[in-house]
Amino acid sequence: MAHPKSRVSKQRKRKRRTHKKLTAPKLSECPTTGEKHLRHRAYFDAEGNMYYRGKLIRKVEEEF
């Protein structure tokens, strides 16, 4: 079995791991609809229409 030549202390190990953190995703607000969405992603509004960069991409067709 592999055996380390010198043991790494708990403090050194934890210092190395301090930079591994998750960050909250950045949200933007659409100038057209006012919806909050992830940046650089297409998103749906309350009616189901799809927008990207403030422009309507796909409109929901109403069914009768």
PDB file of N, CA and C in Angstrom:
ATOM      1  N   MET A   1       0.835  -1.183   0.000  1.00  0.00           N
ATOM      2  CA  MET A   1       0.000   0.000   0.000  1.00  0.00           C
ATOM      3  C   MET A   1       0.876   1.240   0.000  1.00  0.00           C
ATOM      4  N   ALA A   2       0.370   2.298  -0.621  1.00  0.00           N
ATOM      5  CA  ALA A   2       1.115   3.551  -0.650  1.00  0.00           C
ATOM      6  C   ALA A   2       1.145   4.162   0.737  1.00  0.00           C
ATOM      7  N   HIS A   3       2.281   4.780   1.043  1.00  0.00           N
ATOM      8  CA  HIS A   3       2.454   5.354   2.372  1.00  0.00           C
ATOM      9  C   HIS A   3       3.101   6.720   2.207  1.00  0.00           C
ATOM     10  N   PRO A   4       2.452   7.815   2.687  1.00  0.00           N
ATOM     11  CA  PRO A   4       3.054   9.137   2.524  1.00  0.00           C
ATOM     12  C   PRO A   4       4.326   9.265   3.353  1.00  0.00           C
ATOM     13  N   LYS A   5       5.312   9.984   2.789  1.00  0.00           N
ATOM     14  CA  LYS A   5       6.579  10.153   3.497  1.00  0.00           C
ATOM     15  C   LYS A   5       6.395  11.042   4.718  1.00  0.00           C
ATOM     16  N   SER A   6       5.581  12.119   4.562  1.00  0.00           N
ATOM     17  CA  SER A   6       5.297  12.981   5.713  1.00  0.00           C
ATOM     18  C   SER A   6       3.809  13.302   5.720  1.00  0.00           C
ATOM     19  N   ARG A   7       3.275  13.397   6.892  1.00  0.00           N
ATOM     20  CA  ARG A   7       1.841  13.619   7.025  1.00  0.00           C
ATOM     21  C   ARG A   7       1.518  15.104   6.892  1.00  0.00           C
ATOM     22  N   VAL A   8       0.442  15.417   6.169  1.00  0.00           N
ATOM     23  CA  VAL A   8      -0.015  16.797   6.035  1.00  0.00           C
ATOM     24  C   VAL A   8      -0.972  17.067   7.187  1.00  0.00           C
ATOM     25  N   SER A   9      -0.688  18.141   7.914  1.00  0.00           N
ATOM     26  CA  SER A   9      -1.508  18.451   9.086  1.00  0.00           C
ATOM     27  C   SER A   9      -2.908  18.881   8.661  1.00  0.00           C
ATOM     28  N   LYS A  10      -3.849  18.833   9.599  1.00  0.00           N
ATOM     29  CA  LYS A  10      -5.235  19.242   9.319  1.00  0.00           C
ATOM     30  C   LYS A  10      -5.290  20.705   8.921  1.00  0.00           C
ATOM     31  N   GLN A  11      -4.470  21.534   9.572  1.00  0.00           N
ATOM     32  CA  GLN A  11      -4.483  22.956   9.279  1.00  0.00           C
ATOM     33  C   GLN A  11      -4.021  23.236   7.846  1.00  0.00           C
ATOM     34  N   ARG A  12      -2.951  22.580   7.411  1.00  0.00           N
ATOM     35  CA  ARG A  12      -2.459  22.782   6.039  1.00  0.00           C
ATOM     36  C   ARG A  12      -3.476  22.296   5.020  1.00  0.00           C
ATOM     37  N   LYS A  13      -4.109  21.170   5.302  1.00  0.00           N
ATOM     38  CA  LYS A  13      -5.111  20.622   4.394  1.00  0.00           C
ATOM     39  C   LYS A  13      -6.300  21.576   4.283  1.00  0.00           C
ATOM     40  N   ARG A  14      -6.740  22.132   5.384  1.00  0.00           N
ATOM     41  CA  ARG A  14      -7.894  23.041   5.367  1.00  0.00           C
ATOM     42  C   ARG A  14      -7.558  24.371   4.724  1.00  0.00           C
ATOM     43  N   LYS A  15      -6.316  24.835   4.857  1.00  0.00           N
ATOM     44  CA  LYS A  15      -5.900  26.069   4.183  1.00  0.00           C
ATOM     45  C   LYS A  15      -6.002  25.910   2.672  1.00  0.00           C
ATOM     46  N   ARG A  16      -5.599  24.747   2.190  1.00  0.00           N
ATOM     47  CA  ARG A  16      -5.633  24.482   0.756  1.00  0.00           C
ATOM     48  C   ARG A  16      -7.059  24.449   0.234  1.00  0.00           C
ATOM     49  N   ARG A  17      -7.992  23.998   1.039  1.00  0.00           N
ATOM     50  CA  ARG A  17      -9.375  23.839   0.604  1.00  0.00           C
ATOM     51  C   ARG A  17     -10.246  25.078   0.813  1.00  0.00           C
ATOM     52  N   THR A  18      -9.709  26.159   1.332  1.00  0.00           N
ATOM     53  CA  THR A  18     -10.534  27.338   1.617  1.00  0.00           C
ATOM     54  C   THR A  18     -11.057  28.005   0.355  1.00  0.00           C
ATOM     55  N   HIS A  19     -10.394  27.810  -0.784  1.00  0.00           N
ATOM     56  CA  HIS A  19     -10.802  28.495  -2.009  1.00  0.00           C
ATOM     57  C   HIS A  19     -11.870  27.743  -2.782  1.00  0.00           C
ATOM     58  N   LYS A  20     -12.229  26.552  -2.352  1.00  0.00           N
ATOM     59  CA  LYS A  20     -13.237  25.770  -3.052  1.00  0.00           C
ATOM     60  C   LYS A  20     -14.617  26.136  -2.532  1.00  0.00           C
ATOM     61  N   LYS A  21     -15.214  27.142  -3.137  1.00  0.00           N
ATOM     62  CA  LYS A  21     -16.529  27.613  -2.706  1.00  0.00           C
ATOM     63  C   LYS A  21     -17.438  27.757  -3.922  1.00  0.00           C
ATOM     64  N   LEU A  22     -18.714  27.604  -3.701  1.00  0.00           N
ATOM     65  CA  LEU A  22     -19.701  27.855  -4.746  1.00  0.00           C
ATOM     66  C   LEU A  22     -20.125  29.313  -4.670  1.00  0.00           C
ATOM     67  N   THR A  23     -20.368  29.909  -5.818  1.00  0.00           N
ATOM     68  CA  THR A  23     -20.860  31.280  -5.846  1.00  0.00           C
ATOM     69  C   THR A  23     -22.299  31.276  -6.360  1.00  0.00           C
ATOM     70  N   ALA A  24     -23.046  32.249  -5.937  1.00  0.00           N
ATOM     71  CA  ALA A  24     -24.435  32.367  -6.391  1.00  0.00           C
ATOM     72  C   ALA A  24     -24.450  32.792  -7.857  1.00  0.00           C
ATOM     73  N   PRO A  25     -25.369  32.246  -8.665  1.00  0.00           N
ATOM     74  CA  PRO A  25     -25.421  32.645 -10.074  1.00  0.00           C
ATOM     75  C   PRO A  25     -25.872  34.098 -10.212  1.00  0.00           C
ATOM     76  N   LYS A  26     -25.330  34.774 -11.211  1.00  0.00           N
ATOM     77  CA  LYS A  26     -25.677  36.170 -11.459  1.00  0.00           C
ATOM     78  C   LYS A  26     -27.019  36.239 -12.182  1.00  0.00           C
ATOM     79  N   LEU A  27     -27.903  37.076 -11.690  1.00  0.00           N
ATOM     80  CA  LEU A  27     -29.220  37.247 -12.304  1.00  0.00           C
ATOM     81  C   LEU A  27     -29.316  38.620 -12.939  1.00  0.00           C
ATOM     82  N   SER A  28     -30.015  38.688 -14.041  1.00  0.00           N
ATOM     83  CA  SER A  28     -30.265  39.946 -14.727  1.00  0.00           C
ATOM     84  C   SER A  28     -31.758  40.162 -14.828  1.00  0.00           C
ATOM     85  N   GLU A  29     -32.128  41.394 -15.100  1.00  0.00           N
ATOM     86  CA  GLU A  29     -33.543  41.727 -15.268  1.00  0.00           C
ATOM     87  C   GLU A  29     -33.769  42.126 -16.713  1.00  0.00           C
ATOM     88  N   CYS A  30     -34.776  41.538 -17.333  1.00  0.00           N
ATOM     89  CA  CYS A  30     -35.096  41.827 -18.728  1.00  0.00           C
ATOM     90  C   CYS A  30     -35.652  43.248 -18.841  1.00  0.00           C
ATOM     91  N   PRO A  31     -35.131  44.045 -19.776  1.00  0.00           N
ATOM     92  CA  PRO A  31     -35.667  45.403 -19.939  1.00  0.00           C
ATOM     93  C   PRO A  31     -37.088  45.417 -20.515  1.00  0.00           C
ATOM     94  N   THR A  32     -37.463  44.364 -21.237  1.00  0.00           N
ATOM     95  CA  THR A  32     -38.784  44.306 -21.861  1.00  0.00           C
ATOM     96  C   THR A  32     -39.854  43.829 -20.896  1.00  0.00           C
ATOM     97  N   THR A  33     -39.609  42.683 -20.247  1.00  0.00           N
ATOM     98  CA  THR A  33     -40.637  42.071 -19.400  1.00  0.00           C
ATOM     99  C   THR A  33     -40.422  42.292 -17.913  1.00  0.00           C
ATOM    100  N   GLY A  34     -39.198  42.610 -17.494  1.00  0.00           N
ATOM    101  CA  GLY A  34     -38.914  42.788 -16.079  1.00  0.00           C
ATOM    102  C   GLY A  34     -38.671  41.485 -15.334  1.00  0.00           C
ATOM    103  N   GLU A  35     -38.585  40.365 -16.066  1.00  0.00           N
ATOM    104  CA  GLU A  35     -38.354  39.051 -15.456  1.00  0.00           C
ATOM    105  C   GLU A  35     -36.890  38.911 -15.050  1.00  0.00           C
ATOM    106  N   LYS A  36     -36.638  38.240 -13.932  1.00  0.00           N
ATOM    107  CA  LYS A  36     -35.274  37.892 -13.528  1.00  0.00           C
ATOM    108  C   LYS A  36     -34.891  36.606 -14.242  1.00  0.00           C
ATOM    109  N   HIS A  37     -33.645  36.533 -14.749  1.00  0.00           N
ATOM    110  CA  HIS A  37     -33.204  35.346 -15.483  1.00  0.00           C
ATOM    111  C   HIS A  37     -31.693  35.220 -15.394  1.00  0.00           C
ATOM    112  N   LEU A  38     -31.187  34.017 -15.723  1.00  0.00           N
ATOM    113  CA  LEU A  38     -29.746  33.800 -15.794  1.00  0.00           C
ATOM    114  C   LEU A  38     -29.200  34.509 -17.023  1.00  0.00           C
ATOM    115  N   ARG A  39     -27.993  35.052 -16.885  1.00  0.00           N
ATOM    116  CA  ARG A  39     -27.388  35.762 -18.005  1.00  0.00           C
ATOM    117  C   ARG A  39     -27.026  34.797 -19.128  1.00  0.00           C
ATOM    118  N   HIS A  40     -27.125  35.258 -20.374  1.00  0.00           N
ATOM    119  CA  HIS A  40     -26.768  34.495 -21.572  1.00  0.00           C
ATOM    120  C   HIS A  40     -27.603  33.225 -21.731  1.00  0.00           C
ATOM    121  N   ARG A  41     -28.823  33.261 -21.263  1.00  0.00           N
ATOM    122  CA  ARG A  41     -29.728  32.120 -21.405  1.00  0.00           C
ATOM    123  C   ARG A  41     -31.092  32.626 -21.870  1.00  0.00           C
ATOM    124  N   ALA A  42     -31.774  31.846 -22.667  1.00  0.00           N
ATOM    125  CA  ALA A  42     -33.151  32.162 -23.034  1.00  0.00           C
ATOM    126  C   ALA A  42     -34.037  31.831 -21.831  1.00  0.00           C
ATOM    127  N   TYR A  43     -35.145  32.550 -21.681  1.00  0.00           N
ATOM    128  CA  TYR A  43     -36.016  32.346 -20.521  1.00  0.00           C
ATOM    129  C   TYR A  43     -37.463  32.554 -20.916  1.00  0.00           C
ATOM    130  N   PHE A  44     -38.357  32.006 -20.092  1.00  0.00           N
ATOM    131  CA  PHE A  44     -39.797  32.106 -20.318  1.00  0.00           C
ATOM    132  C   PHE A  44     -40.387  33.145 -19.383  1.00  0.00           C
ATOM    133  N   ASP A  45     -41.387  33.883 -19.876  1.00  0.00           N
ATOM    134  CA  ASP A  45     -42.097  34.811 -18.996  1.00  0.00           C
ATOM    135  C   ASP A  45     -43.307  34.105 -18.399  1.00  0.00           C
ATOM    136  N   ALA A  46     -44.155  34.840 -17.714  1.00  0.00           N
ATOM    137  CA  ALA A  46     -45.304  34.248 -17.022  1.00  0.00           C
ATOM    138  C   ALA A  46     -46.305  33.627 -17.993  1.00  0.00           C
ATOM    139  N   GLU A  47     -46.417  34.164 -19.204  1.00  0.00           N
ATOM    140  CA  GLU A  47     -47.375  33.629 -20.184  1.00  0.00           C
ATOM    141  C   GLU A  47     -46.817  32.456 -20.976  1.00  0.00           C
ATOM    142  N   GLY A  48     -45.523  32.160 -20.854  1.00  0.00           N
ATOM    143  CA  GLY A  48     -44.935  31.037 -21.574  1.00  0.00           C
ATOM    144  C   GLY A  48     -44.185  31.440 -22.831  1.00  0.00           C
ATOM    145  N   ASN A  49     -44.081  32.739 -23.108  1.00  0.00           N
ATOM    146  CA  ASN A  49     -43.316  33.200 -24.267  1.00  0.00           C
ATOM    147  C   ASN A  49     -41.830  33.122 -23.951  1.00  0.00           C
ATOM    148  N   MET A  50     -41.015  32.810 -24.955  1.00  0.00           N
ATOM    149  CA  MET A  50     -39.577  32.698 -24.750  1.00  0.00           C
ATOM    150  C   MET A  50     -38.887  33.975 -25.229  1.00  0.00           C
ATOM    151  N   TYR A  51     -37.978  34.492 -24.396  1.00  0.00           N
ATOM    152  CA  TYR A  51     -37.231  35.702 -24.709  1.00  0.00           C
ATOM    153  C   TYR A  51     -35.741  35.419 -24.631  1.00  0.00           C
ATOM    154  N   TYR A  52     -34.967  36.177 -25.416  1.00  0.00           N
ATOM    155  CA  TYR A  52     -33.509  36.163 -25.314  1.00  0.00           C
ATOM    156  C   TYR A  52     -33.018  37.534 -25.712  1.00  0.00           C
ATOM    157  N   ARG A  53     -32.198  38.123 -24.871  1.00  0.00           N
ATOM    158  CA  ARG A  53     -31.674  39.481 -25.061  1.00  0.00           C
ATOM    159  C   ARG A  53     -32.786  40.499 -25.228  1.00  0.00           C
ATOM    160  N   GLY A  54     -33.894  40.308 -24.523  1.00  0.00           N
ATOM    161  CA  GLY A  54     -34.994  41.254 -24.559  1.00  0.00           C
ATOM    162  C   GLY A  54     -35.887  41.136 -25.782  1.00  0.00           C
ATOM    163  N   LYS A  55     -35.606  40.184 -26.650  1.00  0.00           N
ATOM    164  CA  LYS A  55     -36.408  40.026 -27.864  1.00  0.00           C
ATOM    165  C   LYS A  55     -37.220  38.746 -27.773  1.00  0.00           C
ATOM    166  N   LEU A  56     -38.431  38.798 -28.330  1.00  0.00           N
ATOM    167  CA  LEU A  56     -39.318  37.638 -28.345  1.00  0.00           C
ATOM    168  C   LEU A  56     -38.801  36.619 -29.346  1.00  0.00           C
ATOM    169  N   ILE A  57     -38.541  35.405 -28.861  1.00  0.00           N
ATOM    170  CA  ILE A  57     -38.035  34.332 -29.715  1.00  0.00           C
ATOM    171  C   ILE A  57     -39.179  33.436 -30.169  1.00  0.00           C
ATOM    172  N   ARG A  58     -40.000  33.008 -29.207  1.00  0.00           N
ATOM    173  CA  ARG A  58     -41.095  32.086 -29.520  1.00  0.00           C
ATOM    174  C   ARG A  58     -42.330  32.514 -28.752  1.00  0.00           C
ATOM    175  N   LYS A  59     -43.408  32.730 -29.479  1.00  0.00           N
ATOM    176  CA  LYS A  59     -44.671  33.116 -28.855  1.00  0.00           C
ATOM    177  C   LYS A  59     -45.545  31.885 -28.696  1.00  0.00           C
ATOM    178  N   VAL A  60     -46.197  31.792 -27.555  1.00  0.00           N
ATOM    179  CA  VAL A  60     -47.087  30.666 -27.283  1.00  0.00           C
ATOM    180  C   VAL A  60     -48.377  30.860 -28.058  1.00  0.00           C
ATOM    181  N   GLU A  61     -48.749  29.815 -28.794  1.00  0.00           N
ATOM    182  CA  GLU A  61     -50.009  29.872 -29.539  1.00  0.00           C
ATOM    183  C   GLU A  61     -51.124  29.375 -28.630  1.00  0.00           C
ATOM    184  N   GLU A  62     -52.197  30.123 -28.578  1.00  0.00           N
ATOM    185  CA  GLU A  62     -53.313  29.738 -27.719  1.00  0.00           C
ATOM    186  C   GLU A  62     -54.133  28.634 -28.384  1.00  0.00           C
ATOM    187  N   GLU A  63     -54.515  27.640 -27.602  1.00  0.00           N
ATOM    188  CA  GLU A  63     -55.331  26.549 -28.119  1.00  0.00           C
ATOM    189  C   GLU A  63     -56.789  26.779 -27.725  1.00  0.00           C
ATOM    190  N   PHE A  64     -57.682  26.443 -28.625  1.00  0.00           N
ATOM    191  CA  PHE A  64     -59.106  26.619 -28.336  1.00  0.00           C
ATOM    192  C   PHE A  64     -59.762  25.300 -28.077  1.00  0.00           C
TER     193      PHE A  64
END
